[in-house]
Amino acid sequence: MKTRSDYEFEIRALRDAIRDDPHNMEEYQNKLNYRVSKWMDLSDIFIFRANNEQTPWREEDIGYSVLPMPTKKECGFDQVGDYQFVVDCEKEFSECFGPLLVERKSMQDLYGTLFGDRERFYREITRYEKDPRFDQMVVIVESNFTDWLSFSPTPDAPGIAQRLASIASLQARNIPVYFTGSERLAPKFYRHCVRQNIMKNIDRWIS
């Protein structure tokens, strides 16, 4: 049975092959993706959740262990976002973080964020932009887009045009918003986001 070290050796070899033989890049990339997936299956991947999450995603929801987000004293950085992931490594703790940061929103949360205390969320984005651990922030919404567009908690709720503009404003800040359809599917989608992010950034853990 292959070990993580075996897969790391093969991953490095395939990266070199992609660089040296670009004409066969697709074949090498498929082999690389398979080996990175196997490497992930043998790795300890942890999810850190914000301490103010009232009903946090659980291990059985995501498929990875879920732990309280470390404090600034523990990792050297202010807490930011709702969910972060870490892959075990022998480097400094702060260097083990995956570059993906997630904000989790219910339909009501997203409405309140964009049409209530938007400046508070913008401050969260600023903290993310200043944090060297992360280079991608996404918003995962536990509802579908159509339901959110028609959600009207008050008689004077913003119309569809304003709601579309608010989502577009986040996109302009390079903060994509993903509507997953339900509370049940949101953490499953996050799991795939984590795996794809590790695959994309494998050089972060395998030098």
Protein backbone atom coordinates (compact mmCIF):
# COMPACT_ATOMS: atom_id res chain seq x y z
CA MET A 1 0.00 0.00 0.00
CA LYS A 2 1.34 3.42 -0.94
CA THR A 3 2.15 6.00 1.68
CA ARG A 4 1.83 9.78 1.59
CA SER A 5 5.55 9.95 0.84
CA ASP A 6 5.05 7.69 -2.18
CA TYR A 7 2.36 9.96 -3.55
CA GLU A 8 4.42 13.06 -2.84
CA PHE A 9 7.28 11.61 -4.91
CA GLU A 10 4.91 10.86 -7.79
CA ILE A 11 3.28 14.30 -7.54
CA ARG A 12 6.66 16.01 -7.86
CA ALA A 13 7.56 13.82 -10.83
CA LEU A 14 4.29 14.64 -12.59
CA ARG A 15 4.72 18.36 -11.96
CA ASP A 16 8.13 18.13 -13.62
CA ALA A 17 6.60 16.19 -16.52
CA ILE A 18 3.96 18.87 -17.06
CA ARG A 19 6.65 21.52 -17.16
CA ASP A 20 9.00 19.60 -19.46
CA ASP A 21 6.43 18.02 -21.80
CA PRO A 22 3.52 20.47 -22.24
CA HIS A 23 2.18 18.58 -25.29
CA ASN A 24 0.99 15.79 -22.96
CA MET A 25 -0.17 18.14 -20.21
CA GLU A 26 -3.75 16.83 -20.08
CA GLU A 27 -2.61 13.23 -19.56
CA TYR A 28 -0.14 14.24 -16.86
CA GLN A 29 -2.68 16.53 -15.19
CA ASN A 30 -5.23 13.71 -14.91
CA LYS A 31 -2.61 11.49 -13.30
CA LEU A 32 -1.59 14.32 -11.01
CA ASN A 33 -5.16 14.97 -9.90
CA TYR A 34 -5.62 11.30 -9.05
CA ARG A 35 -2.47 11.21 -6.93
CA VAL A 36 -3.28 14.44 -5.15
CA SER A 37 -6.70 13.00 -4.30
CA LYS A 38 -5.06 9.88 -2.87
CA TRP A 39 -2.60 12.06 -0.94
CA MET A 40 -5.53 13.98 0.56
CA ASP A 41 -7.19 10.75 1.65
CA LEU A 42 -4.07 9.96 3.69
CA SER A 43 -3.75 13.46 5.13
CA ASP A 44 -5.22 14.94 8.29
CA ILE A 45 -7.46 17.78 7.11
CA PHE A 46 -9.07 19.88 9.81
CA ILE A 47 -11.79 22.51 9.56
CA PHE A 48 -11.73 25.50 11.87
CA ARG A 49 -15.08 27.15 12.56
CA ALA A 50 -15.76 30.59 13.99
CA ASN A 51 -16.47 30.56 17.69
CA ASN A 52 -19.70 32.53 17.22
CA GLU A 53 -21.32 29.90 14.98
CA GLN A 54 -24.62 29.00 16.66
CA THR A 55 -25.28 25.78 14.71
CA PRO A 56 -21.92 24.97 13.12
CA TRP A 57 -21.36 22.51 10.32
CA ARG A 58 -20.35 19.18 11.85
CA GLU A 59 -17.82 16.53 10.95
CA GLU A 60 -20.59 14.29 9.66
CA ASP A 61 -21.76 17.17 7.43
CA ILE A 62 -18.36 18.04 5.93
CA GLY A 63 -16.44 14.80 6.24
CA TYR A 64 -13.54 16.37 8.13
CA SER A 65 -12.93 17.06 11.82
CA VAL A 66 -14.32 20.43 12.91
CA LEU A 67 -12.53 22.39 15.64
CA PRO A 68 -12.88 25.87 17.19
CA MET A 69 -11.01 28.54 15.24
CA PRO A 70 -7.64 29.33 16.86
CA THR A 71 -7.22 32.65 18.60
CA LYS A 72 -4.67 35.28 17.65
CA LYS A 73 -2.51 34.11 20.54
CA GLU A 74 -2.46 30.59 19.10
CA CYS A 75 -1.83 31.38 15.43
CA GLY A 76 -0.67 35.00 15.32
CA PHE A 77 -3.65 36.28 13.29
CA ASP A 78 -7.02 37.84 14.04
CA GLN A 79 -9.99 35.53 13.58
CA VAL A 80 -11.58 36.04 10.17
CA GLY A 81 -14.36 34.31 8.24
CA ASP A 82 -16.52 31.42 9.40
CA TYR A 83 -14.61 28.39 8.10
CA GLN A 84 -10.92 27.75 7.41
CA PHE A 85 -9.07 24.53 6.69
CA VAL A 86 -5.67 23.20 7.63
CA VAL A 87 -3.64 20.33 6.21
CA ASP A 88 -1.19 18.65 8.57
CA CYS A 89 2.41 19.58 7.93
CA GLU A 90 5.77 20.00 9.62
CA LYS A 91 5.94 23.75 9.02
CA GLU A 92 4.94 26.57 11.32
CA PHE A 93 1.28 26.29 12.29
CA SER A 94 0.37 29.50 10.47
CA GLU A 95 1.79 28.09 7.21
CA CYS A 96 -0.49 25.04 7.27
CA PHE A 97 -3.67 26.96 6.49
CA GLY A 98 -5.33 26.43 3.15
CA PRO A 99 -5.76 29.66 1.17
CA LEU A 100 -9.58 29.40 1.03
CA LEU A 101 -11.71 31.35 3.50
CA VAL A 102 -15.48 30.84 3.70
CA GLU A 103 -18.32 32.99 4.97
CA ARG A 104 -21.46 30.94 5.66
CA LYS A 105 -24.84 32.64 5.28
CA SER A 106 -28.45 31.63 5.62
CA MET A 107 -30.96 33.46 3.42
CA GLN A 108 -31.76 35.78 6.33
CA ASP A 109 -28.07 36.31 7.14
CA LEU A 110 -27.24 37.31 3.58
CA TYR A 111 -30.15 39.73 3.47
CA GLY A 112 -29.10 41.31 6.76
CA THR A 113 -25.48 41.50 5.63
CA LEU A 114 -26.19 43.20 2.31
CA PHE A 115 -29.09 45.44 3.36
CA GLY A 116 -28.39 45.93 7.04
CA ASP A 117 -24.85 46.03 8.37
CA ARG A 118 -22.97 45.91 5.07
CA GLU A 119 -20.06 47.95 6.41
CA ARG A 120 -19.42 45.30 9.05
CA PHE A 121 -19.06 42.69 6.30
CA TYR A 122 -16.78 44.99 4.32
CA ARG A 123 -14.55 45.23 7.40
CA GLU A 124 -14.44 41.42 7.43
CA ILE A 125 -13.35 41.52 3.78
CA THR A 126 -10.62 44.01 4.69
CA ARG A 127 -9.33 41.68 7.42
CA TYR A 128 -9.27 38.86 4.90
CA GLU A 129 -7.36 40.98 2.36
CA LYS A 130 -4.71 41.78 4.97
CA ASP A 131 -4.31 38.17 6.12
CA PRO A 132 -1.43 36.48 4.22
CA ARG A 133 -2.83 33.00 4.89
CA PHE A 134 -5.68 33.43 2.42
CA ASP A 135 -6.01 34.39 -1.23
CA GLN A 136 -9.64 33.45 -1.88
CA MET A 137 -12.81 34.28 0.03
CA VAL A 138 -16.22 32.91 -0.93
CA VAL A 139 -19.72 33.20 0.49
CA ILE A 140 -21.74 29.96 0.74
CA VAL A 141 -25.48 30.56 1.06
CA GLU A 142 -27.82 27.89 2.44
CA SER A 143 -30.69 28.67 0.08
CA ASN A 144 -31.34 28.96 -3.63
CA PHE A 145 -30.99 32.18 -5.57
CA THR A 146 -34.65 32.47 -6.55
CA ASP A 147 -35.85 32.17 -2.95
CA TRP A 148 -33.39 34.81 -1.83
CA LEU A 149 -34.50 37.21 -4.58
CA SER A 150 -38.11 36.92 -3.38
CA PHE A 151 -37.36 36.95 0.37
CA SER A 152 -39.24 39.93 1.85
CA PRO A 153 -38.88 40.29 5.64
CA THR A 154 -40.32 43.83 5.50
CA PRO A 155 -42.81 45.61 3.21
CA ASP A 156 -40.09 47.99 1.97
CA ALA A 157 -37.56 45.25 1.16
CA PRO A 158 -35.22 46.05 -1.75
CA GLY A 159 -36.34 44.88 -5.17
CA ILE A 160 -34.73 42.35 -7.49
CA ALA A 161 -32.53 44.94 -9.22
CA GLN A 162 -30.96 46.00 -5.93
CA ARG A 163 -30.41 42.41 -4.89
CA LEU A 164 -28.72 41.53 -8.14
CA ALA A 165 -26.54 44.62 -7.81
CA SER A 166 -25.55 43.66 -4.26
CA ILE A 167 -24.35 40.22 -5.40
CA ALA A 168 -22.53 41.80 -8.34
CA SER A 169 -20.81 44.23 -5.95
CA LEU A 170 -19.28 41.29 -4.07
CA GLN A 171 -18.20 39.71 -7.35
CA ALA A 172 -16.49 43.00 -8.22
CA ARG A 173 -14.52 42.63 -4.98
CA ASN A 174 -13.54 39.08 -6.06
CA ILE A 175 -15.86 37.56 -3.45
CA PRO A 176 -18.04 35.02 -5.30
CA VAL A 177 -21.38 34.00 -3.81
CA TYR A 178 -22.58 30.39 -4.16
CA PHE A 179 -26.21 29.45 -3.53
CA THR A 180 -26.23 25.77 -2.57
CA GLY A 181 -29.99 25.28 -2.33
CA SER A 182 -30.28 24.09 1.27
CA GLU A 183 -28.64 23.78 4.68
CA ARG A 184 -27.99 20.10 3.99
CA LEU A 185 -26.07 20.68 0.75
CA ALA A 186 -24.00 23.67 1.88
CA PRO A 187 -21.41 21.75 3.97
CA LYS A 188 -21.17 19.06 1.29
CA PHE A 189 -20.39 21.76 -1.26
CA TYR A 190 -17.79 23.18 1.13
CA ARG A 191 -16.08 19.79 1.33
CA HIS A 192 -15.65 19.80 -2.44
CA CYS A 193 -14.38 23.38 -2.30
CA VAL A 194 -11.71 22.29 0.18
CA ARG A 195 -10.60 19.35 -1.94
CA GLN A 196 -10.47 21.41 -5.13
CA ASN A 197 -8.57 24.15 -3.34
CA ILE A 198 -5.98 21.68 -2.08
CA MET A 199 -5.64 20.21 -5.56
CA LYS A 200 -5.12 23.67 -7.06
CA ASN A 201 -2.61 24.72 -4.39
CA ILE A 202 -0.79 21.44 -3.73
CA ASP A 203 2.57 23.26 -4.00
CA ARG A 204 1.67 24.91 -0.71
CA TRP A 205 2.19 21.58 1.07
CA ILE A 206 4.45 19.65 -1.30
CA SER A 207 7.47 21.75 -2.26
